[in-house]
């Protein structure tokens, strides 16, 4: 199983990987979208991305950017123009399926892109709309050789705003200031954006291997444990934080799944367990990673040579924080139970919807 997880990939763009230089990846697709006023109408999307065609086992996928150009028909321009709209902007969420190498199955991803403000032609004519997005880097580490594939399978436009000449949102029945349009991929359309060969890897270090795992505040984790090493296991891989009412804001709380650290190295070296989190994203928008805080706790099992020390209460964020540690000593080792209370500060401006983030824990 992979030791990291992708939390977002719209279409993949400029990034680096040591296994190979980036190659141009292009995917053109036809969708039928259900728009306000005019109902079903076709669009054409072309995704251009720079990403490598090969990486090594043990390498982590870096951040990629995307540029997607969409051709919208004259009928849509006419319908918007009749309502007094002169510009269009908003968000687009693409569904990407990553086929993992080595028979590990697939990983579905939802990615939010920004649709740039675009003039609507008058008189009505077909027009191009540009959308850009990024996938967070450092969340997927290849741990098996084989072929990985990246397929774009569906698209939804949301938080779309059509504005009049004064910049005021135009009301498009049955919606208010913002509207959405679900897009269905036309039959027979291609989905493959890129194929990546994951090669055998070059990690030569046979010494104590740092164990790592992921808590996807909705995903999957692979624990490791073997005699004579520093390892960790988890009680579960999903944390459901409490809901917060739209418009009220407040604290969305929960508890980290218990992590058990086992130090069987029989040495004098301590250990450190750190964590970092991505932004909480979903079709409704984004809540920043800096809004998630934790209160760490740590218990030492009887008979352990080391003593576990909990990290400091405070924000987690994308740069990370210490969850627990044990210092160097003349004799170290033992079993330690680590946990934390989680609290996400949800702003009152957050739009109703589901939000998902990935909390990455690393033991060294």
Protein backbone atom coordinates (compact mmCIF):
# COMPACT_ATOMS: atom_id res chain seq x y z
CA UNK A 1 0.00 0.00 0.00
CA UNK A 2 1.15 3.58 -0.52
CA UNK A 3 2.67 5.34 2.49
CA UNK A 4 1.17 8.65 1.43
CA UNK A 5 -2.08 9.81 -0.15
CA UNK A 6 -2.99 12.37 -2.79
CA UNK A 7 -5.58 14.76 -1.43
CA UNK A 8 -6.02 16.71 -4.61
CA UNK A 9 -5.07 16.56 -8.29
CA UNK A 10 -7.13 18.35 -10.88
CA UNK A 11 -5.06 17.93 -13.79
CA UNK A 12 -1.37 17.84 -13.31
CA UNK A 13 1.12 20.54 -14.20
CA UNK A 14 4.63 21.85 -13.64
CA UNK A 15 6.63 19.94 -11.03
CA UNK A 16 9.87 18.02 -10.67
CA UNK A 17 10.81 14.41 -10.09
CA UNK A 18 14.28 12.92 -9.99
CA UNK A 19 13.38 9.89 -12.10
CA UNK A 20 12.68 11.82 -15.31
CA UNK A 21 12.10 15.28 -16.69
CA UNK A 22 8.51 16.44 -17.16
CA UNK A 23 6.71 15.67 -20.42
CA UNK A 24 3.77 17.50 -21.94
CA UNK A 25 0.47 15.80 -21.11
CA UNK A 26 -2.67 16.92 -22.93
CA UNK A 27 -6.25 15.68 -22.59
CA UNK A 28 -9.22 16.99 -24.57
CA UNK A 29 -12.76 16.05 -23.52
CA UNK A 30 -16.36 16.84 -24.46
CA UNK A 31 -18.96 17.34 -21.70
CA UNK A 32 -22.67 18.17 -21.62
CA UNK A 33 -23.47 20.62 -18.81
CA UNK A 34 -26.87 21.51 -17.34
CA UNK A 35 -26.85 25.34 -17.26
CA UNK A 36 -29.49 27.71 -15.85
CA UNK A 37 -31.94 29.15 -18.40
CA UNK A 38 -30.71 27.06 -21.40
CA UNK A 39 -30.50 23.59 -19.73
CA UNK A 40 -28.14 21.13 -21.48
CA UNK A 41 -25.34 22.55 -23.61
CA UNK A 42 -21.94 21.15 -24.72
CA UNK A 43 -18.51 22.37 -23.63
CA UNK A 44 -15.01 21.33 -24.76
CA UNK A 45 -12.19 21.12 -22.19
CA UNK A 46 -8.47 20.88 -22.96
CA UNK A 47 -6.06 20.16 -20.09
CA UNK A 48 -2.35 20.89 -20.57
CA UNK A 49 0.05 19.59 -17.93
CA UNK A 50 3.79 19.07 -17.43
CA UNK A 51 4.49 15.97 -15.35
CA UNK A 52 7.05 13.15 -15.48
CA UNK A 53 6.39 9.86 -17.22
CA UNK A 54 8.45 7.98 -14.60
CA UNK A 55 9.44 8.18 -10.93
CA UNK A 56 11.20 5.88 -8.47
CA UNK A 57 9.89 3.78 -5.62
CA UNK A 58 10.43 5.82 -2.46
CA UNK A 59 9.97 9.17 -4.23
CA UNK A 60 7.17 11.52 -3.23
CA UNK A 61 4.95 13.17 -5.84
CA UNK A 62 5.65 16.94 -5.86
CA UNK A 63 3.11 19.73 -6.37
CA UNK A 64 1.70 20.02 -9.89
CA UNK A 65 -0.18 22.95 -11.47
CA UNK A 66 -2.74 22.80 -14.27
CA UNK A 67 -4.11 25.05 -17.00
CA UNK A 68 -7.48 23.98 -18.40
CA UNK A 69 -9.04 25.84 -21.34
CA UNK A 70 -12.80 25.43 -21.84
CA UNK A 71 -14.76 26.40 -24.95
CA UNK A 72 -18.33 27.45 -24.03
CA UNK A 73 -20.95 27.62 -26.78
CA UNK A 74 -22.69 30.69 -28.23
CA UNK A 75 -26.03 29.47 -26.85
CA UNK A 76 -24.71 29.81 -23.30
CA UNK A 77 -23.37 33.29 -24.08
CA UNK A 78 -26.79 34.26 -25.48
CA UNK A 79 -28.65 32.96 -22.41
CA UNK A 80 -26.35 34.84 -20.04
CA UNK A 81 -26.49 37.98 -22.16
CA UNK A 82 -30.29 38.01 -22.14
CA UNK A 83 -30.13 38.15 -18.33
CA UNK A 84 -27.73 41.13 -18.47
CA UNK A 85 -24.53 39.25 -17.64
CA UNK A 86 -21.24 40.59 -19.03
CA UNK A 87 -18.65 38.47 -17.10
CA UNK A 88 -18.43 34.94 -15.71
CA UNK A 89 -16.23 33.49 -12.90
CA UNK A 90 -16.30 30.78 -10.23
CA UNK A 91 -15.01 27.32 -9.35
CA UNK A 92 -14.73 23.95 -11.11
CA UNK A 93 -14.26 20.62 -9.33
CA UNK A 94 -12.77 17.76 -11.33
CA UNK A 95 -12.90 14.11 -10.31
CA UNK A 96 -9.55 12.36 -10.91
CA UNK A 97 -8.96 8.63 -10.43
CA UNK A 98 -5.37 7.57 -9.70
CA UNK A 99 -4.65 3.92 -10.52
CA UNK A 100 -1.95 2.89 -8.04
CA UNK A 101 0.96 0.66 -9.11
CA UNK A 102 1.44 -2.89 -7.89
CA UNK A 103 -2.26 -3.78 -7.82
CA UNK A 104 -3.08 -1.46 -4.90
CA UNK A 105 -6.36 -0.35 -6.48
CA UNK A 106 -7.49 3.20 -7.24
CA UNK A 107 -7.65 6.48 -5.37
CA UNK A 108 -10.52 8.90 -6.19
CA UNK A 109 -9.75 12.61 -5.76
CA UNK A 110 -11.86 15.78 -5.89
CA UNK A 111 -9.96 18.93 -6.88
CA UNK A 112 -11.22 22.51 -6.82
CA UNK A 113 -9.99 24.91 -9.56
CA UNK A 114 -10.48 28.64 -9.96
CA UNK A 115 -12.30 29.83 -13.09
CA UNK A 116 -10.87 33.22 -14.08
CA UNK A 117 -13.23 36.17 -14.63
CA UNK A 118 -14.05 36.07 -18.34
CA UNK A 119 -15.93 38.57 -20.54
CA UNK A 120 -19.11 37.21 -22.17
CA UNK A 121 -19.13 38.17 -25.88
CA UNK A 122 -21.85 40.50 -27.22
CA UNK A 123 -23.16 39.72 -29.77
CA UNK A 124 -23.28 36.13 -28.53
CA UNK A 125 -20.51 33.83 -29.72
CA UNK A 126 -18.56 30.85 -28.43
CA UNK A 127 -15.91 31.92 -25.91
CA UNK A 128 -12.96 30.46 -24.01
CA UNK A 129 -12.74 30.21 -20.21
CA UNK A 130 -9.46 29.52 -18.38
CA UNK A 131 -9.25 27.60 -15.08
CA UNK A 132 -6.17 26.96 -12.95
CA UNK A 133 -5.53 24.68 -9.98
CA UNK A 134 -2.87 22.83 -8.00
CA UNK A 135 -2.44 19.52 -6.24
CA UNK A 136 -0.70 19.57 -2.85
CA UNK A 137 2.76 18.00 -2.98
CA UNK A 138 4.24 15.53 -0.54
CA UNK A 139 1.11 13.46 0.01
CA UNK A 140 1.76 10.42 -2.22
CA UNK A 141 4.89 8.31 -1.90
CA UNK A 142 5.35 5.40 -4.31
CA UNK A 143 6.15 2.19 -2.43
CA UNK A 144 5.69 -0.34 -5.24
CA UNK A 145 6.98 -0.50 -8.82
CA UNK A 146 4.51 -0.67 -11.67
CA UNK A 147 2.31 1.58 -13.78
CA UNK A 148 0.33 4.48 -12.33
CA UNK A 149 -2.41 6.20 -14.32
CA UNK A 150 -4.19 9.53 -13.90
CA UNK A 151 -7.72 9.70 -15.35
CA UNK A 152 -10.04 12.74 -15.36
CA UNK A 153 -13.58 11.29 -15.20
CA UNK A 154 -16.06 14.07 -14.42
CA UNK A 155 -16.52 17.80 -13.85
CA UNK A 156 -18.83 20.12 -11.90
CA UNK A 157 -19.03 23.92 -12.10
CA UNK A 158 -20.03 25.60 -8.83
CA UNK A 159 -19.94 28.94 -7.04
CA UNK A 160 -20.29 30.40 -10.55
CA UNK A 161 -21.12 34.12 -10.64
CA UNK A 162 -22.40 35.97 -13.69
CA UNK A 163 -22.08 39.75 -13.17
CA UNK A 164 -23.69 42.70 -14.92
CA UNK A 165 -21.91 45.84 -16.11
CA UNK A 166 -21.95 47.25 -12.56
CA UNK A 167 -20.31 44.13 -11.15
CA UNK A 168 -23.52 42.98 -9.43
CA UNK A 169 -24.31 39.24 -9.49
CA UNK A 170 -27.08 38.38 -11.95
CA UNK A 171 -29.90 36.23 -10.57
CA UNK A 172 -30.27 33.06 -12.68
CA UNK A 173 -33.35 30.97 -11.76
CA UNK A 174 -33.59 28.75 -9.78
CA UNK A 175 -30.35 30.01 -8.17
CA UNK A 176 -29.41 33.24 -6.38
CA UNK A 177 -26.12 35.13 -6.65
CA UNK A 178 -24.26 31.89 -7.50
CA UNK A 179 -25.20 28.94 -9.67
CA UNK A 180 -23.87 25.47 -10.42
CA UNK A 181 -23.79 23.21 -13.46
CA UNK A 182 -23.26 19.46 -13.35
CA UNK A 183 -21.31 18.24 -16.39
CA UNK A 184 -21.53 14.69 -17.78
CA UNK A 185 -18.68 13.27 -19.83
CA UNK A 186 -19.94 12.39 -23.29
CA UNK A 187 -19.89 8.73 -24.29
CA UNK A 188 -16.65 7.46 -25.79
CA UNK A 189 -14.53 10.38 -24.52
CA UNK A 190 -10.91 9.71 -23.41
CA UNK A 191 -10.03 10.10 -19.72
CA UNK A 192 -6.31 9.26 -19.51
CA UNK A 193 -4.20 12.34 -18.76
CA UNK A 194 -0.88 10.66 -18.00
CA UNK A 195 0.72 7.23 -17.54
CA UNK A 196 3.66 7.07 -15.11
CA UNK A 197 6.07 4.17 -14.71
CA UNK A 198 7.20 3.67 -11.10
CA UNK A 199 10.68 2.15 -11.25
CA UNK A 200 12.37 -0.17 -8.75
CA UNK A 201 13.71 2.59 -6.52
CA UNK A 202 17.11 3.68 -5.30
CA UNK A 203 16.80 3.83 -1.50
CA UNK A 204 20.02 2.12 -0.32
CA UNK A 205 19.61 2.63 3.45
CA UNK A 206 19.00 -0.70 5.23
CA UNK A 207 19.38 0.91 8.68
CA UNK A 208 16.42 1.57 10.97
CA UNK A 209 13.60 2.67 8.72
CA UNK A 210 11.41 5.55 9.90
CA UNK A 211 7.80 4.39 9.95
CA UNK A 212 5.24 6.73 8.50
CA UNK A 213 1.51 6.70 8.14
CA UNK A 214 -1.40 8.90 7.17
CA UNK A 215 -4.58 9.87 8.92
CA UNK A 216 -6.85 11.08 6.20
CA UNK A 217 -9.62 12.88 7.93
CA UNK A 218 -11.24 10.43 5.59
CA UNK A 219 -8.84 7.89 4.02
CA UNK A 220 -6.52 4.89 4.42
CA UNK A 221 -3.29 4.13 6.30
CA UNK A 222 -0.79 1.26 6.11
CA UNK A 223 0.83 0.46 9.47
CA UNK A 224 4.22 -1.20 9.67
CA UNK A 225 5.71 -3.25 12.46
CA UNK A 226 8.76 -5.49 12.63
CA UNK A 227 11.13 -6.60 15.37
CA UNK A 228 14.19 -4.50 16.10
CA UNK A 229 12.88 -1.29 14.57
CA UNK A 230 11.09 1.94 15.45
CA UNK A 231 7.50 1.43 14.28
CA UNK A 232 3.99 2.78 14.67
CA UNK A 233 0.44 1.50 14.28
CA UNK A 234 -2.91 3.28 14.33
CA UNK A 235 -6.29 2.36 15.81
CA UNK A 236 -8.02 3.67 12.69
CA UNK A 237 -7.64 5.89 9.63
CA UNK A 238 -10.70 8.15 9.76
CA UNK A 239 -11.63 11.00 12.08
CA UNK A 240 -15.14 12.47 11.81
CA UNK A 241 -15.10 15.96 13.32
CA UNK A 242 -18.33 17.37 14.78
CA UNK A 243 -20.52 19.50 12.45
CA UNK A 244 -20.78 23.30 12.70
CA UNK A 245 -23.86 25.24 11.64
CA UNK A 246 -23.49 27.43 8.55
CA UNK A 247 -23.22 31.11 9.39
CA UNK A 248 -22.47 30.49 13.07
CA UNK A 249 -18.87 29.34 12.83
CA UNK A 250 -17.16 27.72 15.79
CA UNK A 251 -15.13 24.69 16.76
CA UNK A 252 -15.45 21.37 14.91
CA UNK A 253 -13.94 18.84 17.31
CA UNK A 254 -12.85 15.22 17.46
CA UNK A 255 -10.08 12.91 18.66
CA UNK A 256 -7.08 11.62 16.75
CA UNK A 257 -7.13 7.87 16.27
CA UNK A 258 -4.70 6.43 18.88
CA UNK A 259 -1.17 5.88 17.59
CA UNK A 260 0.99 3.21 19.25
CA UNK A 261 4.74 3.78 18.93
CA UNK A 262 6.99 0.75 19.51
CA UNK A 263 10.74 1.29 19.96
CA UNK A 264 12.42 -2.13 19.78
CA UNK A 265 15.86 -0.89 18.69
CA UNK A 266 17.48 -1.57 22.11
CA UNK A 267 19.69 1.52 21.86
CA UNK A 268 20.21 5.02 23.20
CA UNK A 269 18.36 7.05 20.53
CA UNK A 270 15.05 8.74 21.16
CA UNK A 271 12.27 9.40 18.66
CA UNK A 272 9.92 12.14 17.47
CA UNK A 273 6.39 11.88 16.05
CA UNK A 274 5.35 14.93 14.03
CA UNK A 275 2.27 15.84 12.00
CA UNK A 276 1.18 18.23 9.29
CA UNK A 277 -2.20 18.77 7.63
CA UNK A 278 -3.50 19.97 4.27
CA UNK A 279 -6.21 22.58 3.78
CA UNK A 280 -9.76 21.30 4.29
CA UNK A 281 -11.30 21.32 0.81
CA UNK A 282 -14.59 20.32 -0.79
CA UNK A 283 -17.07 21.42 -3.40
CA UNK A 284 -18.16 24.27 -1.10
CA UNK A 285 -14.71 25.84 -0.75
CA UNK A 286 -11.63 25.73 1.51
CA UNK A 287 -10.85 26.07 5.22
CA UNK A 288 -7.15 26.74 5.83
CA UNK A 289 -4.86 24.16 7.47
CA UNK A 290 -3.85 26.80 10.03
CA UNK A 291 -7.38 26.59 11.49
CA UNK A 292 -6.73 23.05 12.83
CA UNK A 293 -5.27 22.84 16.35
CA UNK A 294 -4.51 19.89 18.62
CA UNK A 295 -3.92 19.09 22.29
CA UNK A 296 -1.42 16.17 22.32
CA UNK A 297 -1.31 13.42 24.94
CA UNK A 298 1.12 10.55 25.46
CA UNK A 299 1.22 7.57 27.86
CA UNK A 300 4.18 5.24 28.48
CA UNK A 301 3.54 1.51 28.88
CA UNK A 302 4.84 -0.16 32.05
CA UNK A 303 8.36 -1.55 31.72
CA UNK A 304 9.44 0.91 28.99
CA UNK A 305 12.98 2.28 29.22
CA UNK A 306 12.00 5.68 27.76
CA UNK A 307 9.42 8.21 28.89
CA UNK A 308 7.02 9.70 26.35
CA UNK A 309 6.61 13.51 26.24
CA UNK A 310 3.49 15.05 24.59
CA UNK A 311 3.89 17.91 22.13
CA UNK A 312 2.70 21.46 22.69
CA UNK A 313 -0.95 22.46 22.34
CA UNK A 314 -1.45 24.69 19.30
CA UNK A 315 -1.97 24.81 15.54
CA UNK A 316 -0.85 21.98 13.23
CA UNK A 317 -0.79 23.70 9.82
CA UNK A 318 1.05 22.74 6.64
CA UNK A 319 4.51 23.19 8.19
CA UNK A 320 3.69 20.75 10.97
CA UNK A 321 4.10 20.36 14.72
CA UNK A 322 5.35 17.76 17.21
CA UNK A 323 2.73 15.33 18.49
CA UNK A 324 4.99 13.41 20.92
CA UNK A 325 8.64 12.47 21.49
CA UNK A 326 11.07 10.55 23.67
CA UNK A 327 14.59 11.95 24.35
CA UNK A 328 17.95 10.27 23.81
CA UNK A 329 19.13 8.40 26.90
CA UNK A 330 21.61 5.76 28.05
CA UNK A 331 18.86 3.19 27.42
CA UNK A 332 15.75 3.80 25.33
CA UNK A 333 12.82 1.75 24.11
CA UNK A 334 9.33 0.66 24.98
CA UNK A 335 5.71 1.13 23.95
CA UNK A 336 3.88 4.47 23.93
CA UNK A 337 0.23 5.40 23.34
CA UNK A 338 -0.17 8.79 21.61
CA UNK A 339 -3.36 10.76 21.03
CA UNK A 340 -4.67 14.29 20.62
CA UNK A 341 -7.85 16.29 20.86
CA UNK A 342 -8.56 17.99 17.50
CA UNK A 343 -10.36 21.31 17.00
CA UNK A 344 -11.00 23.00 13.63
CA UNK A 345 -11.88 26.71 13.90
CA UNK A 346 -14.60 26.98 11.23
CA UNK A 347 -15.20 30.59 10.14
CA UNK A 348 -18.76 31.91 10.06
CA UNK A 349 -18.28 32.62 6.34
CA UNK A 350 -17.79 28.92 5.52
CA UNK A 351 -20.33 27.61 2.98
CA UNK A 352 -22.37 24.51 3.85
CA UNK A 353 -20.83 21.29 2.53
CA UNK A 354 -18.37 18.49 3.25
CA UNK A 355 -14.70 19.38 3.81
CA UNK A 356 -11.82 16.87 3.76
CA UNK A 357 -8.15 17.12 4.72
CA UNK A 358 -5.22 14.74 5.16
CA UNK A 359 -3.21 14.64 8.40
CA UNK A 360 0.24 13.16 7.81
CA UNK A 361 2.10 11.63 10.78
CA UNK A 362 5.83 10.90 10.50
CA UNK A 363 7.88 8.92 13.04
CA UNK A 364 11.67 9.39 13.11
